[in-house]
Protein backbone atom coordinates (compact mmCIF):
# COMPACT_ATOMS: atom_id res chain seq x y z
CA MET A 1 125.04 174.82 -97.11
CA SER A 2 124.10 171.65 -99.11
CA TYR A 3 126.56 168.98 -100.20
CA PRO A 4 126.43 166.47 -103.11
CA PRO A 5 125.51 162.84 -102.40
CA LEU A 6 128.25 160.46 -101.35
CA SER A 7 128.14 158.40 -104.53
CA GLY A 8 131.62 158.21 -106.05
CA LEU A 9 133.33 160.26 -103.29
CA PRO A 10 136.48 158.85 -101.56
CA ILE A 11 135.11 159.62 -98.07
CA ASN A 12 132.65 157.80 -95.82
CA SER A 13 129.41 159.25 -94.46
CA ASP A 14 130.61 159.53 -90.83
CA THR A 15 133.73 161.49 -91.82
CA LEU A 16 131.73 163.79 -94.07
CA SER A 17 129.11 164.38 -91.37
CA GLU A 18 131.78 165.39 -88.87
CA LEU A 19 133.44 167.65 -91.46
CA GLN A 20 130.12 169.35 -92.28
CA LYS A 21 129.52 169.97 -88.57
CA ASN A 22 132.90 171.70 -88.16
CA LEU A 23 132.62 173.68 -91.39
CA SER A 24 129.24 175.17 -90.44
CA GLY A 25 130.84 177.91 -88.35
CA LEU A 26 133.31 179.14 -90.97
CA ASN A 27 132.90 182.37 -92.88
CA PRO A 28 133.75 182.55 -96.63
CA LEU A 29 137.31 183.82 -96.02
CA GLN A 30 138.05 180.99 -93.57
CA THR A 31 136.56 178.43 -95.95
CA ALA A 32 138.78 179.69 -98.78
CA TRP A 33 141.84 179.56 -96.52
CA LEU A 34 141.02 176.02 -95.42
CA SER A 35 140.64 174.82 -98.99
CA GLY A 36 144.12 176.12 -99.79
CA TYR A 37 145.56 174.50 -96.71
CA LEU A 38 144.06 171.10 -97.56
CA TRP A 39 145.30 171.34 -101.15
CA ALA A 40 148.83 172.19 -99.94
CA ARG A 41 148.74 169.31 -97.48
CA SER A 42 147.62 166.90 -100.21
CA GLN A 43 150.60 167.90 -102.32
CA GLN A 44 152.97 167.06 -99.45
CA MET A 45 151.59 163.54 -98.88
CA ASP A 46 152.84 160.40 -100.55
CA ALA A 47 150.55 157.63 -101.75
CA SER A 48 150.21 156.22 -98.23
CA GLY A 49 148.93 159.54 -96.85
CA ALA A 50 152.09 160.24 -94.86
CA VAL A 51 154.16 163.43 -95.13
CA PRO A 52 157.52 162.64 -96.80
CA ALA A 53 160.60 162.82 -94.57
CA GLY A 54 162.10 165.75 -96.48
CA VAL A 55 158.96 167.84 -96.10
CA ALA A 56 158.67 166.92 -92.42
CA ALA A 57 162.28 167.96 -91.83
CA ALA A 58 161.71 171.30 -93.56
CA GLN A 59 158.63 171.89 -91.45
CA ALA A 60 160.52 171.04 -88.26
CA THR A 61 163.26 173.51 -89.20
CA GLN A 62 160.69 176.25 -89.73
CA GLU A 63 158.94 175.45 -86.46
CA GLN A 64 162.25 175.84 -84.62
CA ALA A 65 162.81 179.31 -86.07
CA SER A 66 161.92 182.06 -83.60
CA PRO A 67 158.68 183.71 -84.76
CA VAL A 68 158.29 187.43 -85.21
CA LEU A 69 157.13 189.05 -81.95
CA VAL A 70 154.37 191.65 -82.29
CA LEU A 71 154.44 193.61 -79.04
CA SER A 72 151.38 195.68 -78.15
CA ALA A 73 151.76 198.55 -75.66
CA SER A 74 148.24 199.94 -75.45
CA GLN A 75 146.37 202.30 -73.14
CA THR A 76 142.90 202.72 -74.66
CA GLY A 77 142.90 199.83 -77.13
CA ASN A 78 144.08 201.57 -80.32
CA ALA A 79 147.58 200.12 -80.25
CA ARG A 80 146.17 196.71 -79.43
CA ARG A 81 143.85 196.85 -82.47
CA VAL A 82 146.71 197.85 -84.78
CA ALA A 83 148.93 195.08 -83.36
CA GLN A 84 146.13 192.55 -83.87
CA SER A 85 145.68 193.71 -87.46
CA LEU A 86 149.41 193.35 -88.05
CA GLN A 87 149.48 189.81 -86.72
CA ASP A 88 146.39 188.84 -88.71
CA LYS A 89 148.06 190.02 -91.91
CA LEU A 90 151.33 188.27 -91.03
CA LYS A 91 149.43 185.03 -90.49
CA ALA A 92 147.61 185.44 -93.79
CA ALA A 93 150.96 186.00 -95.51
CA GLY A 94 152.42 182.85 -93.92
CA VAL A 95 154.90 184.65 -91.64
CA ALA A 96 155.32 182.95 -88.26
CA SER A 97 154.42 185.49 -85.57
CA VAL A 98 153.16 185.76 -82.02
CA LEU A 99 151.21 188.67 -80.51
CA LYS A 100 151.98 189.66 -76.92
CA SER A 101 150.71 192.42 -74.68
CA ALA A 102 153.59 194.30 -73.06
CA GLY A 103 151.88 193.68 -69.72
CA ASP A 104 152.24 189.92 -70.19
CA TYR A 105 155.79 190.07 -71.50
CA LYS A 106 158.90 189.66 -69.36
CA SER A 107 161.60 192.10 -70.40
CA ARG A 108 164.41 189.56 -69.97
CA GLN A 109 162.88 187.54 -72.82
CA LEU A 110 164.02 190.23 -75.28
CA ALA A 111 167.48 188.67 -75.23
CA ALA A 112 166.06 185.56 -76.90
CA GLU A 113 164.02 187.39 -79.55
CA ARG A 114 165.08 187.70 -83.15
CA LEU A 115 162.68 190.28 -84.57
CA VAL A 116 160.25 192.53 -82.66
CA LEU A 117 157.56 194.85 -84.01
CA VAL A 118 156.47 197.35 -81.34
CA VAL A 119 153.13 199.18 -81.49
CA ALA A 120 153.17 201.68 -78.61
CA SER A 121 150.77 204.38 -77.48
CA THR A 122 151.64 207.28 -75.15
CA GLN A 123 149.79 208.50 -72.07
CA GLY A 124 150.02 211.46 -69.71
CA ASP A 125 153.18 213.51 -70.00
CA GLY A 126 154.91 211.37 -72.62
CA GLU A 127 154.80 208.20 -70.54
CA PRO A 128 154.37 204.65 -71.82
CA PRO A 129 150.99 203.00 -71.31
CA GLU A 130 150.42 201.23 -68.02
CA GLU A 131 150.99 197.76 -69.41
CA ALA A 132 154.39 198.77 -70.81
CA LEU A 133 155.83 200.55 -67.77
CA SER A 134 157.86 197.55 -66.59
CA LEU A 135 159.34 196.95 -70.04
CA HIS A 136 160.16 200.65 -70.39
CA LYS A 137 161.87 200.71 -66.98
CA ALA A 138 163.84 197.56 -67.79
CA LEU A 139 165.16 199.01 -71.05
CA PHE A 140 166.20 202.24 -69.35
CA GLY A 141 167.42 200.57 -66.15
CA LYS A 142 170.90 199.78 -64.92
CA LYS A 143 170.88 196.25 -66.37
CA PRO A 144 168.92 196.37 -69.62
CA PRO A 145 168.35 193.14 -71.57
CA GLU A 146 170.90 192.12 -74.21
CA VAL A 147 169.39 193.03 -77.60
CA LYS A 148 172.38 193.32 -79.96
CA SER A 149 171.10 190.42 -82.09
CA LEU A 150 167.60 191.89 -82.26
CA GLN A 151 165.94 193.53 -85.28
CA TYR A 152 163.00 195.82 -84.65
CA ALA A 153 160.54 198.41 -85.96
CA VAL A 154 158.28 200.78 -84.01
CA LEU A 155 154.91 202.36 -84.67
CA GLY A 156 153.98 205.12 -82.22
CA LEU A 157 150.44 206.29 -81.45
CA GLY A 158 149.76 209.58 -79.71
CA ASP A 159 147.96 212.91 -79.61
CA SER A 160 149.69 215.90 -81.19
CA SER A 161 147.88 218.30 -78.87
CA TYR A 162 150.27 217.12 -76.14
CA PRO A 163 153.88 218.32 -76.07
CA ASP A 164 155.43 214.83 -75.84
CA PHE A 165 153.72 213.49 -78.94
CA CYS A 166 154.30 209.73 -79.37
CA GLN A 167 157.06 209.90 -76.75
CA ALA A 168 156.72 206.27 -75.67
CA GLY A 169 157.24 205.09 -79.24
CA LYS A 170 160.20 207.43 -79.60
CA ASP A 171 161.66 206.08 -76.34
CA PHE A 172 161.39 202.42 -77.38
CA ASP A 173 162.82 203.22 -80.81
CA SER A 174 165.84 205.23 -79.64
CA ARG A 175 166.64 203.02 -76.64
CA LEU A 176 166.67 199.80 -78.65
CA GLU A 177 169.07 201.43 -81.09
CA GLN A 178 171.29 202.67 -78.23
CA LEU A 179 171.43 199.13 -76.85
CA GLY A 180 172.67 197.79 -80.18
CA ALA A 181 169.50 196.45 -81.80
CA GLN A 182 169.14 196.91 -85.55
CA ARG A 183 166.27 199.12 -86.77
CA LEU A 184 164.53 197.68 -89.83
CA PHE A 185 163.10 201.02 -90.97
CA ASP A 186 162.30 204.44 -89.53
CA ARG A 187 159.71 204.78 -86.79
CA VAL A 188 156.28 206.08 -87.85
CA ASP A 189 154.22 208.32 -85.55
CA CYS A 190 150.40 208.44 -85.70
CA ASP A 191 148.04 211.14 -84.41
CA LEU A 192 144.50 210.49 -83.13
CA ASP A 193 143.31 209.91 -86.70
CA TYR A 194 145.77 207.04 -86.84
CA GLN A 195 144.04 204.46 -89.01
CA ALA A 196 145.33 205.37 -92.49
CA THR A 197 148.92 205.89 -91.31
CA ALA A 198 148.85 202.70 -89.23
CA ASP A 199 147.42 200.68 -92.12
CA GLU A 200 150.20 201.92 -94.40
CA TRP A 201 152.84 200.93 -91.82
CA VAL A 202 151.28 197.50 -91.38
CA GLU A 203 151.25 196.87 -95.14
CA LYS A 204 154.86 198.02 -95.47
CA THR A 205 155.96 195.84 -92.55
CA VAL A 206 154.18 192.74 -93.85
CA ALA A 207 155.61 193.25 -97.34
CA TRP A 208 159.14 193.54 -95.93
CA LEU A 209 158.75 190.40 -93.83
CA VAL A 210 157.27 188.40 -96.68
CA GLU A 211 160.31 189.33 -98.76
CA HIS A 212 162.93 188.70 -96.06
CA GLU A 213 161.49 186.08 -93.71
CA SER A 214 161.19 182.35 -94.22
CA ARG A 215 157.50 181.66 -94.67
CA ASN A 216 155.67 178.95 -92.79
CA THR A 217 154.08 176.14 -94.71
CA ALA A 218 150.31 176.08 -94.61
CA ALA A 219 150.50 173.08 -92.28
CA ASN A 220 152.60 174.98 -89.74
CA ALA A 221 150.31 178.01 -89.82
CA ALA A 222 147.13 175.96 -89.50
CA PRO A 223 145.21 175.44 -86.27
CA ALA A 224 145.32 172.02 -84.67
CA SER A 225 141.86 171.22 -86.07
CA VAL A 226 138.97 172.72 -87.94
CA SER A 227 137.14 172.90 -84.60
CA ALA A 228 139.96 175.03 -83.17
CA LEU A 229 139.53 177.51 -86.03
CA VAL A 230 135.75 177.64 -85.65
CA ASN A 231 136.00 178.12 -81.88
CA ASP A 232 138.76 180.75 -81.98
CA PRO A 233 137.47 183.67 -79.84
CA GLN A 234 138.78 186.08 -82.48
CA VAL A 235 136.31 184.57 -84.94
CA HIS A 236 133.42 185.37 -82.63
CA ALA A 237 134.31 188.99 -81.87
CA GLN A 238 131.74 191.25 -80.24
CA ILE A 239 129.11 192.53 -82.62
CA TYR A 240 129.38 196.06 -81.25
CA THR A 241 132.73 197.83 -81.57
CA ARG A 242 134.29 201.27 -81.77
CA GLU A 243 133.51 201.25 -85.50
CA LYS A 244 130.02 199.77 -85.01
CA PRO A 245 128.77 201.02 -81.63
CA PHE A 246 125.57 200.06 -79.85
CA THR A 247 122.84 202.67 -79.48
CA ALA A 248 121.93 202.58 -75.79
CA THR A 249 119.12 204.37 -73.98
CA ILE A 250 119.96 206.43 -70.89
CA LEU A 251 118.08 205.10 -67.88
CA THR A 252 119.47 207.53 -65.29
CA ASN A 253 121.40 210.80 -65.40
CA GLN A 254 121.79 211.81 -61.75
CA LYS A 255 123.99 214.44 -60.15
CA ILE A 256 125.86 212.89 -57.23
CA THR A 257 127.57 215.99 -55.85
CA SER A 258 125.69 218.50 -53.73
CA ARG A 259 124.36 221.85 -54.94
CA ASN A 260 127.22 223.53 -53.04
CA SER A 261 129.94 221.44 -54.63
CA LEU A 262 132.46 223.07 -56.95
CA LYS A 263 132.05 220.01 -59.22
CA ASP A 264 129.19 218.68 -61.31
CA VAL A 265 129.61 214.89 -61.20
CA ARG A 266 126.96 212.64 -62.73
CA HIS A 267 126.07 208.98 -62.39
CA LEU A 268 124.79 207.67 -65.73
CA GLU A 269 123.13 204.32 -66.37
CA PHE A 270 122.67 202.89 -69.89
CA ASP A 271 120.31 200.12 -70.94
CA LEU A 272 122.08 197.39 -72.93
CA GLY A 273 118.76 195.67 -73.68
CA ASP A 274 119.14 192.41 -75.57
CA SER A 275 122.44 193.48 -77.20
CA GLY A 276 124.34 190.62 -75.60
CA ILE A 277 127.12 193.03 -74.63
CA ARG A 278 129.30 191.68 -71.82
CA TYR A 279 131.96 193.49 -69.81
CA GLN A 280 134.09 192.98 -66.72
CA PRO A 281 134.95 195.29 -63.81
CA GLY A 282 137.98 197.25 -64.95
CA ASP A 283 136.81 197.69 -68.54
CA ALA A 284 136.07 201.10 -70.06
CA LEU A 285 132.99 202.42 -71.84
CA GLY A 286 133.61 204.26 -75.10
CA VAL A 287 131.15 207.08 -75.79
CA TRP A 288 130.66 208.68 -79.21
CA PHE A 289 129.48 212.18 -78.33
CA ARG A 290 128.07 215.07 -80.34
CA ASN A 291 129.47 218.58 -80.25
CA ASP A 292 127.36 221.42 -78.90
CA PRO A 293 125.34 222.99 -81.78
CA ALA A 294 125.75 226.43 -80.18
CA LEU A 295 129.54 226.05 -80.30
CA VAL A 296 129.32 224.93 -83.93
CA ASP A 297 127.26 228.00 -84.82
CA SER A 298 129.84 230.26 -83.15
CA ILE A 299 132.62 228.70 -85.22
CA LEU A 300 130.61 229.07 -88.42
CA ALA A 301 129.93 232.74 -87.60
CA SER A 302 133.62 233.52 -86.99
CA THR A 303 134.63 231.98 -90.32
CA GLY A 304 131.68 233.16 -92.42
CA VAL A 305 130.86 229.60 -93.45
CA ASP A 306 127.33 228.65 -94.48
CA GLY A 307 126.34 225.61 -92.44
CA ALA A 308 124.46 224.10 -95.38
CA GLU A 309 127.57 223.86 -97.59
CA ASP A 310 128.93 220.38 -98.32
CA VAL A 311 132.42 219.24 -97.35
CA THR A 312 134.38 216.05 -97.99
CA LEU A 313 135.93 214.46 -94.91
CA ALA A 314 139.20 212.54 -94.73
CA ASP A 315 137.34 209.22 -95.01
CA GLY A 316 135.71 210.35 -98.28
CA LYS A 317 132.24 211.08 -96.89
CA THR A 318 130.46 214.18 -98.21
CA LEU A 319 128.25 215.91 -95.64
CA GLY A 320 126.81 219.29 -94.78
CA VAL A 321 129.46 221.24 -92.88
CA ARG A 322 127.26 221.95 -89.84
CA TYR A 323 126.36 218.27 -89.51
CA ALA A 324 130.02 217.32 -89.93
CA LEU A 325 131.07 219.75 -87.18
CA ILE A 326 128.49 218.31 -84.78
CA HIS A 327 129.02 214.62 -85.50
CA HIS A 328 132.42 214.03 -87.07
CA LEU A 329 135.04 216.70 -86.29
CA GLU A 330 136.96 217.63 -83.12
CA ILE A 331 136.22 221.23 -82.09
CA THR A 332 136.71 221.16 -78.30
CA GLN A 333 140.42 220.22 -78.22
CA ASN A 334 142.88 222.60 -79.85
CA THR A 335 145.97 221.20 -81.62
CA PRO A 336 149.29 222.52 -82.95
CA ALA A 337 148.19 221.50 -86.46
CA PHE A 338 145.09 223.68 -86.22
CA VAL A 339 146.98 226.77 -85.03
CA LYS A 340 149.74 226.31 -87.61
CA GLY A 341 147.23 225.79 -90.41
CA TYR A 342 145.08 228.75 -89.39
CA ALA A 343 148.16 230.97 -89.05
CA GLN A 344 149.06 230.22 -92.67
CA LEU A 345 145.54 230.96 -93.89
CA THR A 346 145.24 234.25 -91.96
CA GLN A 347 148.91 235.32 -92.12
CA ASP A 348 148.31 236.81 -88.67
CA GLN A 349 151.75 237.66 -87.30
CA ALA A 350 150.98 236.74 -83.68
CA LEU A 351 149.78 233.29 -84.73
CA LEU A 352 152.74 232.84 -87.07
CA ASP A 353 155.11 233.66 -84.20
CA LEU A 354 153.34 231.15 -81.95
CA ALA A 355 153.52 228.46 -84.62
CA ALA A 356 157.30 228.93 -84.80
CA ASP A 357 157.81 228.49 -81.03
CA SER A 358 156.92 224.95 -79.96
CA LYS A 359 156.90 225.67 -76.21
CA ALA A 360 154.77 228.80 -76.57
CA LEU A 361 152.48 226.94 -78.96
CA GLN A 362 151.87 224.12 -76.47
CA ASP A 363 151.05 226.60 -73.71
CA TYR A 364 148.70 228.45 -76.07
CA ILE A 365 146.68 225.43 -77.18
CA ALA A 366 146.36 224.22 -73.58
CA GLU A 367 144.68 227.50 -72.64
CA THR A 368 142.91 228.56 -75.82
CA PRO A 369 139.96 226.70 -77.37
CA ILE A 370 139.55 226.60 -81.14
CA ASP A 371 136.50 228.87 -80.89
CA VAL A 372 138.56 231.51 -79.06
CA VAL A 373 141.29 231.41 -81.73
CA LEU A 374 138.65 232.05 -84.38
CA ARG A 375 136.95 234.80 -82.35
CA ARG A 376 140.22 236.65 -81.73
CA VAL A 377 141.41 236.39 -85.32
CA PRO A 378 138.25 236.11 -87.46
CA GLN A 379 138.84 235.12 -91.07
CA THR A 380 136.48 234.21 -93.88
CA LEU A 381 137.10 230.61 -94.90
CA THR A 382 135.55 228.16 -97.26
CA ALA A 383 133.70 225.26 -95.65
CA GLN A 384 136.36 222.86 -96.89
CA GLN A 385 139.21 225.01 -95.54
CA LEU A 386 137.58 224.99 -92.11
CA CYS A 387 137.10 221.22 -92.04
CA ASP A 388 140.59 220.53 -93.34
CA LEU A 389 141.98 222.32 -90.26
CA LEU A 390 140.19 219.92 -87.90
CA ARG A 391 140.89 216.31 -87.05
CA PRO A 392 138.26 213.58 -86.80
CA LEU A 393 136.18 213.25 -83.65
CA THR A 394 137.31 210.44 -81.35
CA PRO A 395 135.27 208.71 -78.62
CA ARG A 396 135.91 209.40 -74.95
CA MET A 397 136.63 206.54 -72.55
CA TYR A 398 135.12 206.20 -69.06
CA SER A 399 135.96 203.63 -66.40
CA ILE A 400 132.92 201.42 -65.96
CA ALA A 401 131.31 201.86 -62.53
CA SER A 402 129.19 198.71 -62.43
CA ALA A 403 129.40 194.91 -62.45
CA GLN A 404 126.96 192.88 -64.51
CA GLU A 405 126.69 190.40 -61.67
CA GLU A 406 124.86 193.22 -59.86
CA VAL A 407 123.19 195.36 -62.57
CA GLY A 408 122.48 192.83 -65.34
CA ASP A 409 121.94 194.36 -68.80
CA GLU A 410 123.06 197.83 -67.79
CA VAL A 411 126.35 199.69 -67.73
CA HIS A 412 127.14 202.65 -65.42
CA ILE A 413 129.74 205.42 -65.61
CA THR A 414 130.74 208.42 -63.46
CA VAL A 415 131.31 211.68 -65.36
CA ALA A 416 132.70 214.98 -64.06
CA LEU A 417 131.80 218.05 -66.10
CA VAL A 418 134.78 219.90 -67.58
CA GLU A 419 133.91 223.60 -67.50
CA TYR A 420 135.93 226.79 -67.88
CA GLU A 421 135.69 230.42 -68.99
CA GLN A 422 137.68 232.15 -71.71
CA ASP A 423 137.12 235.69 -73.03
CA ALA A 424 133.92 235.93 -70.94
CA VAL A 425 132.47 232.84 -72.67
CA GLN A 426 131.68 229.59 -70.83
CA TYR A 427 133.03 226.41 -72.40
CA GLN A 428 132.46 222.76 -71.57
CA GLY A 429 134.26 219.54 -72.40
CA GLY A 430 132.98 217.87 -75.54
CA ALA A 431 131.82 214.57 -74.03
CA SER A 432 131.20 215.71 -70.44
CA GLY A 433 129.08 218.65 -71.59
CA TYR A 434 127.13 216.32 -73.89
CA LEU A 435 126.51 213.72 -71.18
CA ASN A 436 126.04 215.95 -68.13
CA ARG A 437 124.18 218.94 -69.55
CA ARG A 438 122.51 218.05 -72.86
CA LEU A 439 121.16 214.55 -72.27
CA GLU A 440 118.55 213.10 -69.95
CA ALA A 441 116.80 209.80 -69.28
CA GLY A 442 115.31 208.41 -72.48
CA ASP A 443 117.94 209.86 -74.81
CA GLU A 444 120.14 207.55 -76.90
CA VAL A 445 123.93 207.38 -77.02
CA ALA A 446 126.35 205.38 -79.20
CA ILE A 447 128.61 203.29 -76.94
CA PHE A 448 131.00 200.33 -77.00
CA ILE A 449 133.08 198.34 -74.53
CA GLU A 450 136.87 198.73 -74.46
CA PRO A 451 138.34 195.74 -72.58
CA SER A 452 141.15 196.40 -70.12
CA ALA A 453 142.94 193.11 -69.51
CA HIS A 454 145.42 194.72 -67.11
CA PHE A 455 143.00 196.25 -64.63
CA ARG A 456 141.34 193.18 -63.22
CA LEU A 457 140.32 191.73 -59.87
CA PRO A 458 142.51 188.87 -58.59
CA GLN A 459 141.52 185.43 -59.85
CA ASP A 460 141.51 184.16 -56.27
CA PRO A 461 138.41 185.66 -54.58
CA GLN A 462 140.12 185.46 -51.17
CA THR A 463 142.94 187.79 -52.21
CA PRO A 464 142.76 191.15 -50.39
CA ILE A 465 142.66 194.32 -52.50
CA ILE A 466 143.63 197.94 -51.80
CA MET A 467 141.78 200.48 -53.98
CA ILE A 468 143.22 204.01 -54.21
CA GLY A 469 141.17 206.61 -56.08
CA ALA A 470 140.41 210.31 -56.24
CA GLY A 471 137.36 212.03 -57.72
CA THR A 472 135.76 209.99 -60.50
CA GLY A 473 138.61 207.52 -60.02
CA ILE A 474 136.24 205.80 -57.61
CA ALA A 475 134.23 204.40 -60.54
CA PRO A 476 135.99 201.05 -61.16
CA PHE A 477 136.12 200.34 -57.44
CA ARG A 478 132.34 200.55 -57.28
CA ALA A 479 132.37 197.85 -59.99
CA PHE A 480 134.94 195.78 -58.07
CA LEU A 481 132.89 195.81 -54.88
CA GLN A 482 129.61 195.12 -56.69
CA LYS A 483 131.13 191.96 -58.16
CA ARG A 484 132.74 190.85 -54.90
CA ASP A 485 129.53 191.46 -53.01
CA ALA A 486 127.31 189.72 -55.59
CA GLU A 487 129.57 186.66 -55.59
CA ASP A 488 130.17 186.77 -51.82
CA GLN A 489 133.94 186.85 -52.34
CA GLU A 490 135.77 186.68 -49.02
CA GLY A 491 138.88 188.72 -49.78
CA GLY A 492 139.48 191.87 -47.71
CA ASN A 493 138.66 195.21 -49.38
CA TRP A 494 140.31 198.51 -48.43
CA LEU A 495 139.15 201.73 -50.08
CA ILE A 496 141.33 204.85 -49.95
CA PHE A 497 139.33 207.67 -51.54
CA GLY A 498 139.90 211.39 -51.82
CA ASN A 499 137.84 214.38 -52.93
CA GLN A 500 137.34 218.00 -51.94
CA SER A 501 134.62 217.85 -49.31
CA PHE A 502 132.96 215.11 -47.23
CA LYS A 503 129.59 216.91 -47.29
CA ASP A 504 129.56 217.86 -50.97
CA ASP A 505 131.77 215.37 -52.83
CA PHE A 506 131.44 211.94 -51.20
CA LEU A 507 130.57 210.01 -54.36
CA TYR A 508 128.30 206.98 -53.79
CA GLN A 509 128.36 207.68 -50.04
CA LEU A 510 125.35 205.53 -49.09
CA GLU A 511 126.68 202.54 -51.04
CA TRP A 512 130.04 202.65 -49.30
CA GLN A 513 128.37 203.02 -45.91
CA GLN A 514 126.20 199.96 -46.59
CA LEU A 515 129.23 197.95 -47.70
CA ALA A 516 131.08 198.97 -44.54
CA LYS A 517 128.09 198.03 -42.38
CA SER A 518 127.94 194.57 -43.97
CA GLU A 519 131.75 194.30 -43.52
CA ARG A 520 132.21 193.77 -47.27
CA LEU A 521 134.27 196.97 -47.14
CA SER A 522 136.63 195.81 -44.43
CA HIS A 523 138.74 198.97 -44.16
CA TYR A 524 138.43 202.53 -45.50
CA SER A 525 140.40 205.77 -45.44
CA PHE A 526 139.05 209.10 -46.71
CA ALA A 527 140.96 212.25 -47.61
CA TRP A 528 138.93 215.48 -47.86
CA SER A 529 141.28 218.14 -49.21
CA ARG A 530 139.12 221.22 -48.50
CA ASP A 531 137.59 220.32 -45.13
CA GLN A 532 140.51 221.74 -43.12
CA GLN A 533 143.18 224.38 -43.57
CA GLU A 534 145.85 221.87 -44.51
CA LYS A 535 145.11 219.98 -47.72
CA ILE A 536 144.98 216.20 -47.24
CA TYR A 537 145.16 213.90 -50.23
CA VAL A 538 145.13 210.11 -50.68
CA GLN A 539 148.94 209.93 -50.71
CA HIS A 540 148.95 211.41 -47.19
CA LYS A 541 146.61 208.63 -46.04
CA LEU A 542 149.00 206.06 -47.47
CA LEU A 543 151.84 207.51 -45.44
CA GLN A 544 149.72 207.73 -42.27
CA GLU A 545 148.68 204.08 -42.54
CA GLY A 546 151.96 202.78 -43.92
CA LYS A 547 152.35 199.99 -41.38
CA GLN A 548 148.93 198.51 -42.20
CA LEU A 549 149.53 198.98 -45.93
CA TRP A 550 152.77 197.00 -45.69
CA GLN A 551 151.00 194.25 -43.71
CA TRP A 552 148.34 193.93 -46.40
CA LEU A 553 151.04 193.70 -49.08
CA GLN A 554 152.81 190.98 -47.11
CA LYS A 555 149.53 189.05 -47.11
CA GLY A 556 149.44 189.17 -50.91
CA ALA A 557 147.14 192.17 -51.42
CA HIS A 558 146.71 193.63 -54.89
CA LEU A 559 147.09 197.40 -55.31
CA TYR A 560 144.84 199.43 -57.63
CA VAL A 561 145.12 203.13 -58.48
CA CYS A 562 142.61 205.13 -60.52
CA GLY A 563 142.67 208.84 -61.24
CA ASP A 564 144.65 211.68 -62.78
CA ALA A 565 147.93 210.52 -64.33
CA SER A 566 149.83 213.80 -64.21
CA ARG A 567 149.63 214.46 -60.46
CA MET A 568 147.60 212.06 -58.34
CA ALA A 569 149.05 208.82 -59.72
CA LYS A 570 152.62 210.13 -59.44
CA ASP A 571 152.11 211.34 -55.88
CA VAL A 572 150.57 208.01 -54.91
CA GLU A 573 153.48 206.07 -56.40
CA ALA A 574 155.98 208.24 -54.53
CA ALA A 575 154.10 207.55 -51.28
CA LEU A 576 153.99 203.82 -52.00
CA LEU A 577 157.75 203.76 -52.55
CA GLU A 578 158.29 205.65 -49.29
CA VAL A 579 156.11 203.19 -47.34
CA ILE A 580 157.78 200.15 -48.93
CA ALA A 581 161.26 201.49 -48.17
CA SER A 582 160.39 202.51 -44.61
CA GLU A 583 158.27 199.55 -43.51
CA GLY A 584 160.23 196.97 -45.48
CA GLY A 585 163.64 198.28 -44.45
CA LEU A 586 164.65 198.61 -48.12
CA SER A 587 166.86 201.01 -50.01
CA VAL A 588 165.30 203.37 -52.55
CA ASP A 589 166.45 201.13 -55.41
CA ASP A 590 165.18 197.98 -53.71
CA ALA A 591 161.83 199.59 -52.97
CA ASP A 592 161.53 200.56 -56.63
CA ALA A 593 162.41 196.99 -57.65
CA TYR A 594 159.81 195.63 -55.20
CA LEU A 595 157.06 197.85 -56.64
CA ASP A 596 158.06 196.92 -60.18
CA GLU A 597 157.88 193.25 -59.22
CA LEU A 598 154.32 193.88 -58.00
CA ARG A 599 153.56 195.51 -61.34
CA GLU A 600 155.00 192.62 -63.38
CA SER A 601 153.02 190.08 -61.36
CA HIS A 602 149.84 192.18 -61.85
CA ARG A 603 149.58 193.00 -58.15
CA TYR A 604 150.00 196.72 -58.88
CA GLN A 605 147.59 197.96 -61.53
CA ARG A 606 146.64 201.48 -62.54
CA ASP A 607 143.80 203.01 -64.54
CA VAL A 608 145.06 206.56 -65.04
CA TYR A 609 144.12 209.29 -67.49
């Protein structure tokens, strides 16, 4: 950008030079905002350049007002993105606000809040996301925070294919009302294709606050300096995102279970090249997959749709229906909306009866793929009717199994193939079938990094860690140990890992043996469920080694759990509570409070799915 000469300007060359240096990093929107801020500031100054006392007093009053709290309770990043968008728009509208992750928020602080906007996702069987578990427990506990002076609104994010759709959002909404808080407007629930509904809620919320809240002056909303604005990490967001993924080349696609194993588990390595993508152990890799063309052709055959016909998707794009089914629409996960919509189109009585019984419907969709529904009740549809029944494709998230300190410009994941039979036809999971069976080294995949701020190694490298995982839940612990080994971190490392068979399912066996030999892996416990008559799982190992587990906790160890949310994670937590109560001489309630204190201090972290 060029600037006019200094002649006639009320500013010296040094000041202008410094200003030009700071302005060089601003985008057009930031430049426009800054010009408005400077104009507003100039209007508030008297001839001497000072802010008049009356204006200063008004600003001080506004600064003392409690800002709106935007509370993000996110599992895979969607709720966090919506919450960030909400705060950005509140800032732009001049409404004082602060964005907090539920994992960094102390529940007792709710008593001091004035207005809270909650954006909450749901995981597992209707549970709140990991980072919001402590807040959820506090609200539903024996001594919930005092919230009678609080105003609030809730946006829920979920997946309607699960029976407890948006349950965490519903819980926060109903509990706050029960405790005496005042709801601003009705809760809104979003399905996987959440963007349009979430955007509408954000706009409505901002409009309400602009109308009812005292607005900050431009001076109060401004950063401390132009440099602060330029250097804001939000300004320099990653180039590659969920919406704009990076196309990575597969370097390795290797099966890491034996030929006799009941599982097909793959180790995949992707080349990040010169993308500049950075990640940390604990983060997730998002993968945009493609549906199996053979499955698409089966669906087209059952509905009599010509694959060359054009359809218009929800985002307004017009594409050939076969291409849309491969690249843009979800066909491997059945939903209540699909069954209900198809029942209306076919008027099949059995489907209509299912649609009217929510419990039977949930059982049906859990067991019956979309392709099977169409095979059993074939019906000629138009291409648009077929696509309107389906929701948009969403990426799948995988715990990253590598540390860049060890692998450089690569990222690794561990993927177990989902495979099952229905009506004598073999089906595979959408993403796992794509990655494990249809791709090989040299193929390209669209990927992005999803940060996970609440599944992180301790800041102090000497802090001991206990890693509890089953199956592919071992992935992030491989990343943890790669980083600790590469940086020669001295903290103790205890791995508790479970799978079906030592001989067939010991994932990354040689690596763990080498780490144990070098004493980087200072302690290990393995649970092989099928190698003896009695099934042994990781929770049993916790109970067997309870005394040592308690000793590690007393030395400040951090606990990590990765694996299945519905069974494994719950069984592990029950075992942890039993050990804490027994070894610590605590009551059940005190043991629960102790574990929750570990969670709030980020010493108990889970990556469950």
